[in-house]
């Protein structure tokens, strides 16, 4: 059991030393976004795509997400 705890500590240290890009390298886009709520996924879209979203869709999102989008696209 002690060896497993040491392994977990070493693994955690290794993961913390990697950049986000290094941690995600080799993963398919859908795997990179796994576990995110849909309102979080929409925030990963580039600003040009966010500008194409309808006002009614943006209005359907939670307030914190709407605020972030509106700030990014100045709408």
PDB file of N, CA and C in Angstrom:
ATOM      1  N   UNK A   1       0.824  -1.197   0.000  1.00  0.00           N
ATOM      2  CA  UNK A   1       0.000   0.000   0.000  1.00  0.00           C
ATOM      3  C   UNK A   1       0.869   1.262   0.000  1.00  0.00           C
ATOM      4  N   UNK A   2       1.926   1.220   0.758  1.00  0.00           N
ATOM      5  CA  UNK A   2       2.837   2.369   0.845  1.00  0.00           C
ATOM      6  C   UNK A   2       3.440   2.682  -0.526  1.00  0.00           C
ATOM      7  N   UNK A   3       3.773   1.648  -1.304  1.00  0.00           N
ATOM      8  CA  UNK A   3       4.347   1.849  -2.628  1.00  0.00           C
ATOM      9  C   UNK A   3       3.354   2.558  -3.547  1.00  0.00           C
ATOM     10  N   UNK A   4       2.088   2.218  -3.419  1.00  0.00           N
ATOM     11  CA  UNK A   4       1.056   2.858  -4.243  1.00  0.00           C
ATOM     12  C   UNK A   4       0.921   4.331  -3.887  1.00  0.00           C
ATOM     13  N   UNK A   5       0.996   4.666  -2.618  1.00  0.00           N
ATOM     14  CA  UNK A   5       0.925   6.065  -2.194  1.00  0.00           C
ATOM     15  C   UNK A   5       2.113   6.844  -2.739  1.00  0.00           C
ATOM     16  N   UNK A   6       3.298   6.244  -2.721  1.00  0.00           N
ATOM     17  CA  UNK A   6       4.486   6.900  -3.278  1.00  0.00           C
ATOM     18  C   UNK A   6       4.323   7.122  -4.778  1.00  0.00           C
ATOM     19  N   UNK A   7       3.771   6.126  -5.476  1.00  0.00           N
ATOM     20  CA  UNK A   7       3.535   6.249  -6.909  1.00  0.00           C
ATOM     21  C   UNK A   7       2.585   7.414  -7.181  1.00  0.00           C
ATOM     22  N   UNK A   8       1.510   7.498  -6.423  1.00  0.00           N
ATOM     23  CA  UNK A   8       0.542   8.587  -6.593  1.00  0.00           C
ATOM     24  C   UNK A   8       1.197   9.949  -6.389  1.00  0.00           C
ATOM     25  N   UNK A   9       2.085  10.050  -5.404  1.00  0.00           N
ATOM     26  CA  UNK A   9       2.787  11.310  -5.146  1.00  0.00           C
ATOM     27  C   UNK A   9       3.718  11.667  -6.302  1.00  0.00           C
ATOM     28  N   UNK A  10       4.447  10.679  -6.812  1.00  0.00           N
ATOM     29  CA  UNK A  10       5.355  10.908  -7.938  1.00  0.00           C
ATOM     30  C   UNK A  10       4.545  11.321  -9.168  1.00  0.00           C
ATOM     31  N   UNK A  11       3.441  10.632  -9.417  1.00  0.00           N
ATOM     32  CA  UNK A  11       2.596  10.959 -10.556  1.00  0.00           C
ATOM     33  C   UNK A  11       2.042  12.374 -10.431  1.00  0.00           C
ATOM     34  N   UNK A  12       1.570  12.741  -9.261  1.00  0.00           N
ATOM     35  CA  UNK A  12       1.037  14.087  -9.038  1.00  0.00           C
ATOM     36  C   UNK A  12       2.115  15.144  -9.273  1.00  0.00           C
ATOM     37  N   UNK A  13       3.312  14.895  -8.798  1.00  0.00           N
ATOM     38  CA  UNK A  13       4.422  15.826  -9.003  1.00  0.00           C
ATOM     39  C   UNK A  13       4.728  15.971 -10.490  1.00  0.00           C
ATOM     40  N   UNK A  14       4.739  14.853 -11.205  1.00  0.00           N
ATOM     41  CA  UNK A  14       4.993  14.887 -12.642  1.00  0.00           C
ATOM     42  C   UNK A  14       3.917  15.690 -13.361  1.00  0.00           C
ATOM     43  N   UNK A  15       2.656  15.424 -13.055  1.00  0.00           N
ATOM     44  CA  UNK A  15       1.560  16.128 -13.712  1.00  0.00           C
ATOM     45  C   UNK A  15       1.627  17.636 -13.454  1.00  0.00           C
ATOM     46  N   UNK A  16       1.969  18.018 -12.245  1.00  0.00           N
ATOM     47  CA  UNK A  16       2.067  19.437 -11.906  1.00  0.00           C
ATOM     48  C   UNK A  16       3.211  20.125 -12.646  1.00  0.00           C
ATOM     49  N   UNK A  17       4.216  19.360 -13.062  1.00  0.00           N
ATOM     50  CA  UNK A  17       5.359  19.945 -13.759  1.00  0.00           C
ATOM     51  C   UNK A  17       5.093  20.159 -15.250  1.00  0.00           C
ATOM     52  N   UNK A  18       4.029  19.568 -15.779  1.00  0.00           N
ATOM     53  CA  UNK A  18       3.719  19.673 -17.200  1.00  0.00           C
ATOM     54  C   UNK A  18       2.839  20.879 -17.481  1.00  0.00           C
ATOM     55  N   UNK A  19       3.032  21.473 -18.649  1.00  0.00           N
ATOM     56  CA  UNK A  19       2.152  22.562 -19.080  1.00  0.00           C
ATOM     57  C   UNK A  19       0.812  21.954 -19.498  1.00  0.00           C
ATOM     58  N   UNK A  20      -0.240  22.758 -19.552  1.00  0.00           N
ATOM     59  CA  UNK A  20      -1.524  22.229 -20.022  1.00  0.00           C
ATOM     60  C   UNK A  20      -1.412  21.601 -21.413  1.00  0.00           C
ATOM     61  N   UNK A  21      -0.637  22.224 -22.284  1.00  0.00           N
ATOM     62  CA  UNK A  21      -0.464  21.686 -23.633  1.00  0.00           C
ATOM     63  C   UNK A  21       0.169  20.299 -23.603  1.00  0.00           C
ATOM     64  N   UNK A  22       1.158  20.115 -22.730  1.00  0.00           N
ATOM     65  CA  UNK A  22       1.815  18.811 -22.616  1.00  0.00           C
ATOM     66  C   UNK A  22       0.848  17.767 -22.047  1.00  0.00           C
ATOM     67  N   UNK A  23       0.029  18.159 -21.097  1.00  0.00           N
ATOM     68  CA  UNK A  23      -0.914  17.218 -20.485  1.00  0.00           C
ATOM     69  C   UNK A  23      -1.974  16.768 -21.476  1.00  0.00           C
ATOM     70  N   UNK A  24      -2.344  17.642 -22.405  1.00  0.00           N
ATOM     71  CA  UNK A  24      -3.413  17.332 -23.354  1.00  0.00           C
ATOM     72  C   UNK A  24      -2.912  16.767 -24.684  1.00  0.00           C
ATOM     73  N   UNK A  25      -1.620  16.791 -24.893  1.00  0.00           N
ATOM     74  CA  UNK A  25      -1.047  16.323 -26.161  1.00  0.00           C
ATOM     75  C   UNK A  25      -1.499  14.897 -26.457  1.00  0.00           C
ATOM     76  N   UNK A  26      -1.931  14.699 -27.709  1.00  0.00           N
ATOM     77  CA  UNK A  26      -2.323  13.375 -28.153  1.00  0.00           C
ATOM     78  C   UNK A  26      -3.778  13.021 -27.892  1.00  0.00           C
ATOM     79  N   UNK A  27      -4.494  13.863 -27.160  1.00  0.00           N
ATOM     80  CA  UNK A  27      -5.908  13.589 -26.892  1.00  0.00           C
ATOM     81  C   UNK A  27      -6.775  14.176 -28.002  1.00  0.00           C
ATOM     82  N   UNK A  28      -7.809  13.450 -28.372  1.00  0.00           N
ATOM     83  CA  UNK A  28      -8.779  13.950 -29.344  1.00  0.00           C
ATOM     84  C   UNK A  28      -9.541  15.121 -28.717  1.00  0.00           C
ATOM     85  N   UNK A  29     -10.025  16.054 -29.533  1.00  0.00           N
ATOM     86  CA  UNK A  29     -10.740  17.215 -28.977  1.00  0.00           C
ATOM     87  C   UNK A  29     -11.864  16.844 -28.012  1.00  0.00           C
ATOM     88  N   UNK A  30     -12.632  15.831 -28.340  1.00  0.00           N
ATOM     89  CA  UNK A  30     -13.735  15.452 -27.449  1.00  0.00           C
ATOM     90  C   UNK A  30     -13.230  14.927 -26.100  1.00  0.00           C
ATOM     91  N   UNK A  31     -12.059  14.353 -26.081  1.00  0.00           N
ATOM     92  CA  UNK A  31     -11.466  13.893 -24.818  1.00  0.00           C
ATOM     93  C   UNK A  31     -10.949  15.086 -24.004  1.00  0.00           C
ATOM     94  N   UNK A  32     -10.447  16.113 -24.698  1.00  0.00           N
ATOM     95  CA  UNK A  32      -9.951  17.305 -24.010  1.00  0.00           C
ATOM     96  C   UNK A  32     -11.068  18.010 -23.251  1.00  0.00           C
ATOM     97  N   UNK A  33     -12.280  17.919 -23.782  1.00  0.00           N
ATOM     98  CA  UNK A  33     -13.416  18.630 -23.193  1.00  0.00           C
ATOM     99  C   UNK A  33     -14.282  17.736 -22.314  1.00  0.00           C
ATOM    100  N   UNK A  34     -13.919  16.472 -22.191  1.00  0.00           N
ATOM    101  CA  UNK A  34     -14.716  15.534 -21.401  1.00  0.00           C
ATOM    102  C   UNK A  34     -14.876  16.040 -19.974  1.00  0.00           C
ATOM    103  N   UNK A  35     -16.099  15.969 -19.483  1.00  0.00           N
ATOM    104  CA  UNK A  35     -16.366  16.367 -18.112  1.00  0.00           C
ATOM    105  C   UNK A  35     -16.801  17.809 -17.953  1.00  0.00           C
ATOM    106  N   UNK A  36     -16.705  18.595 -19.026  1.00  0.00           N
ATOM    107  CA  UNK A  36     -17.143  19.986 -18.940  1.00  0.00           C
ATOM    108  C   UNK A  36     -18.629  20.088 -19.232  1.00  0.00           C
ATOM    109  N   UNK A  37     -19.295  20.977 -18.531  1.00  0.00           N
ATOM    110  CA  UNK A  37     -20.705  21.259 -18.812  1.00  0.00           C
ATOM    111  C   UNK A  37     -20.791  22.009 -20.135  1.00  0.00           C
ATOM    112  N   UNK A  38     -21.944  21.956 -20.786  1.00  0.00           N
ATOM    113  CA  UNK A  38     -22.089  22.589 -22.106  1.00  0.00           C
ATOM    114  C   UNK A  38     -21.811  24.085 -22.062  1.00  0.00           C
ATOM    115  N   UNK A  39     -22.163  24.749 -20.955  1.00  0.00           N
ATOM    116  CA  UNK A  39     -21.878  26.186 -20.877  1.00  0.00           C
ATOM    117  C   UNK A  39     -20.382  26.452 -20.719  1.00  0.00           C
ATOM    118  N   UNK A  40     -19.633  25.482 -20.236  1.00  0.00           N
ATOM    119  CA  UNK A  40     -18.176  25.632 -20.162  1.00  0.00           C
ATOM    120  C   UNK A  40     -17.550  25.345 -21.525  1.00  0.00           C
ATOM    121  N   UNK A  41     -18.117  24.379 -22.239  1.00  0.00           N
ATOM    122  CA  UNK A  41     -17.598  24.032 -23.564  1.00  0.00           C
ATOM    123  C   UNK A  41     -17.732  25.215 -24.514  1.00  0.00           C
ATOM    124  N   UNK A  42     -18.854  25.932 -24.441  1.00  0.00           N
ATOM    125  CA  UNK A  42     -19.053  27.065 -25.344  1.00  0.00           C
ATOM    126  C   UNK A  42     -17.977  28.127 -25.130  1.00  0.00           C
ATOM    127  N   UNK A  43     -17.439  28.221 -23.932  1.00  0.00           N
ATOM    128  CA  UNK A  43     -16.377  29.195 -23.664  1.00  0.00           C
ATOM    129  C   UNK A  43     -15.053  28.829 -24.321  1.00  0.00           C
ATOM    130  N   UNK A  44     -14.927  27.606 -24.805  1.00  0.00           N
ATOM    131  CA  UNK A  44     -13.697  27.201 -25.497  1.00  0.00           C
ATOM    132  C   UNK A  44     -13.708  27.623 -26.964  1.00  0.00           C
ATOM    133  N   UNK A  45     -14.857  28.100 -27.433  1.00  0.00           N
ATOM    134  CA  UNK A  45     -14.975  28.503 -28.834  1.00  0.00           C
ATOM    135  C   UNK A  45     -14.235  29.815 -29.089  1.00  0.00           C
ATOM    136  N   UNK A  46     -13.682  29.978 -30.299  1.00  0.00           N
ATOM    137  CA  UNK A  46     -13.017  31.237 -30.629  1.00  0.00           C
ATOM    138  C   UNK A  46     -14.036  32.382 -30.693  1.00  0.00           C
ATOM    139  N   UNK A  47     -13.572  33.589 -30.519  1.00  0.00           N
ATOM    140  CA  UNK A  47     -14.454  34.759 -30.520  1.00  0.00           C
ATOM    141  C   UNK A  47     -15.277  34.883 -31.793  1.00  0.00           C
ATOM    142  N   UNK A  48     -14.708  34.555 -32.939  1.00  0.00           N
ATOM    143  CA  UNK A  48     -15.459  34.630 -34.197  1.00  0.00           C
ATOM    144  C   UNK A  48     -16.679  33.717 -34.165  1.00  0.00           C
ATOM    145  N   UNK A  49     -16.544  32.558 -33.586  1.00  0.00           N
ATOM    146  CA  UNK A  49     -17.668  31.628 -33.491  1.00  0.00           C
ATOM    147  C   UNK A  49     -18.671  32.131 -32.460  1.00  0.00           C
ATOM    148  N   UNK A  50     -18.175  32.664 -31.351  1.00  0.00           N
ATOM    149  CA  UNK A  50     -19.085  33.215 -30.342  1.00  0.00           C
ATOM    150  C   UNK A  50     -19.931  34.344 -30.927  1.00  0.00           C
ATOM    151  N   UNK A  51     -19.346  35.157 -31.806  1.00  0.00           N
ATOM    152  CA  UNK A  51     -20.095  36.259 -32.431  1.00  0.00           C
ATOM    153  C   UNK A  51     -21.233  35.736 -33.300  1.00  0.00           C
ATOM    154  N   UNK A  52     -21.097  34.523 -33.817  1.00  0.00           N
ATOM    155  CA  UNK A  52     -22.128  33.939 -34.683  1.00  0.00           C
ATOM    156  C   UNK A  52     -23.303  33.353 -33.887  1.00  0.00           C
ATOM    157  N   UNK A  53     -23.140  33.211 -32.582  1.00  0.00           N
ATOM    158  CA  UNK A  53     -24.228  32.671 -31.768  1.00  0.00           C
ATOM    159  C   UNK A  53     -25.372  33.676 -31.696  1.00  0.00           C
ATOM    160  N   UNK A  54     -26.579  33.164 -31.723  1.00  0.00           N
ATOM    161  CA  UNK A  54     -27.738  34.054 -31.650  1.00  0.00           C
ATOM    162  C   UNK A  54     -27.883  34.637 -30.248  1.00  0.00           C
ATOM    163  N   UNK A  55     -28.496  35.789 -30.181  1.00  0.00           N
ATOM    164  CA  UNK A  55     -28.762  36.408 -28.882  1.00  0.00           C
ATOM    165  C   UNK A  55     -29.635  35.510 -28.024  1.00  0.00           C
ATOM    166  N   UNK A  56     -30.579  34.804 -28.643  1.00  0.00           N
ATOM    167  CA  UNK A  56     -31.464  33.933 -27.857  1.00  0.00           C
ATOM    168  C   UNK A  56     -30.685  32.764 -27.256  1.00  0.00           C
ATOM    169  N   UNK A  57     -29.703  32.237 -27.994  1.00  0.00           N
ATOM    170  CA  UNK A  57     -28.888  31.155 -27.428  1.00  0.00           C
ATOM    171  C   UNK A  57     -28.053  31.673 -26.265  1.00  0.00           C
ATOM    172  N   UNK A  58     -27.419  32.813 -26.462  1.00  0.00           N
ATOM    173  CA  UNK A  58     -26.601  33.393 -25.395  1.00  0.00           C
ATOM    174  C   UNK A  58     -27.466  33.662 -24.163  1.00  0.00           C
ATOM    175  N   UNK A  59     -28.668  34.142 -24.380  1.00  0.00           N
ATOM    176  CA  UNK A  59     -29.581  34.428 -23.268  1.00  0.00           C
ATOM    177  C   UNK A  59     -29.979  33.171 -22.509  1.00  0.00           C
ATOM    178  N   UNK A  60     -29.883  32.009 -23.151  1.00  0.00           N
ATOM    179  CA  UNK A  60     -30.258  30.755 -22.492  1.00  0.00           C
ATOM    180  C   UNK A  60     -29.153  30.206 -21.585  1.00  0.00           C
ATOM    181  N   UNK A  61     -27.973  30.782 -21.659  1.00  0.00           N
ATOM    182  CA  UNK A  61     -26.833  30.316 -20.873  1.00  0.00           C
ATOM    183  C   UNK A  61     -26.863  30.915 -19.467  1.00  0.00           C
ATOM    184  N   UNK A  62     -26.188  30.277 -18.519  1.00  0.00           N
ATOM    185  CA  UNK A  62     -26.107  30.847 -17.169  1.00  0.00           C
ATOM    186  C   UNK A  62     -25.456  32.233 -17.194  1.00  0.00           C
ATOM    187  N   UNK A  63     -25.848  33.076 -16.257  1.00  0.00           N
ATOM    188  CA  UNK A  63     -25.369  34.464 -16.213  1.00  0.00           C
ATOM    189  C   UNK A  63     -23.850  34.586 -16.259  1.00  0.00           C
ATOM    190  N   UNK A  64     -23.098  33.820 -15.469  1.00  0.00           N
ATOM    191  CA  UNK A  64     -21.626  33.982 -15.548  1.00  0.00           C
ATOM    192  C   UNK A  64     -21.087  33.715 -16.950  1.00  0.00           C
ATOM    193  N   UNK A  65     -21.649  32.740 -17.637  1.00  0.00           N
ATOM    194  CA  UNK A  65     -21.217  32.411 -18.994  1.00  0.00           C
ATOM    195  C   UNK A  65     -21.597  33.524 -19.952  1.00  0.00           C
ATOM    196  N   UNK A  66     -22.813  34.057 -19.826  1.00  0.00           N
ATOM    197  CA  UNK A  66     -23.248  35.169 -20.681  1.00  0.00           C
ATOM    198  C   UNK A  66     -22.325  36.368 -20.517  1.00  0.00           C
ATOM    199  N   UNK A  67     -21.973  36.677 -19.286  1.00  0.00           N
ATOM    200  CA  UNK A  67     -21.099  37.827 -19.017  1.00  0.00           C
ATOM    201  C   UNK A  67     -19.744  37.651 -19.683  1.00  0.00           C
ATOM    202  N   UNK A  68     -19.171  36.466 -19.554  1.00  0.00           N
ATOM    203  CA  UNK A  68     -17.862  36.197 -20.168  1.00  0.00           C
ATOM    204  C   UNK A  68     -17.955  36.339 -21.679  1.00  0.00           C
ATOM    205  N   UNK A  69     -18.997  35.753 -22.274  1.00  0.00           N
ATOM    206  CA  UNK A  69     -19.161  35.827 -23.729  1.00  0.00           C
ATOM    207  C   UNK A  69     -19.344  37.270 -24.169  1.00  0.00           C
ATOM    208  N   UNK A  70     -20.214  37.992 -23.503  1.00  0.00           N
ATOM    209  CA  UNK A  70     -20.467  39.387 -23.901  1.00  0.00           C
ATOM    210  C   UNK A  70     -19.204  40.236 -23.770  1.00  0.00           C
ATOM    211  N   UNK A  71     -18.410  39.989 -22.752  1.00  0.00           N
ATOM    212  CA  UNK A  71     -17.142  40.723 -22.611  1.00  0.00           C
ATOM    213  C   UNK A  71     -16.181  40.382 -23.733  1.00  0.00           C
ATOM    214  N   UNK A  72     -16.146  39.124 -24.103  1.00  0.00           N
ATOM    215  CA  UNK A  72     -15.212  38.703 -25.161  1.00  0.00           C
ATOM    216  C   UNK A  72     -15.616  39.232 -26.529  1.00  0.00           C
ATOM    217  N   UNK A  73     -16.940  39.288 -26.808  1.00  0.00           N
ATOM    218  CA  UNK A  73     -17.373  39.693 -28.135  1.00  0.00           C
ATOM    219  C   UNK A  73     -17.915  41.121 -28.154  1.00  0.00           C
ATOM    220  N   UNK A  74     -17.870  41.778 -26.996  1.00  0.00           N
ATOM    221  CA  UNK A  74     -18.307  43.164 -26.878  1.00  0.00           C
ATOM    222  C   UNK A  74     -19.728  43.372 -27.397  1.00  0.00           C
ATOM    223  N   UNK A  75     -20.610  42.469 -26.971  1.00  0.00           N
ATOM    224  CA  UNK A  75     -22.023  42.587 -27.365  1.00  0.00           C
ATOM    225  C   UNK A  75     -22.854  42.938 -26.165  1.00  0.00           C
TER     226      UNK A  75
END
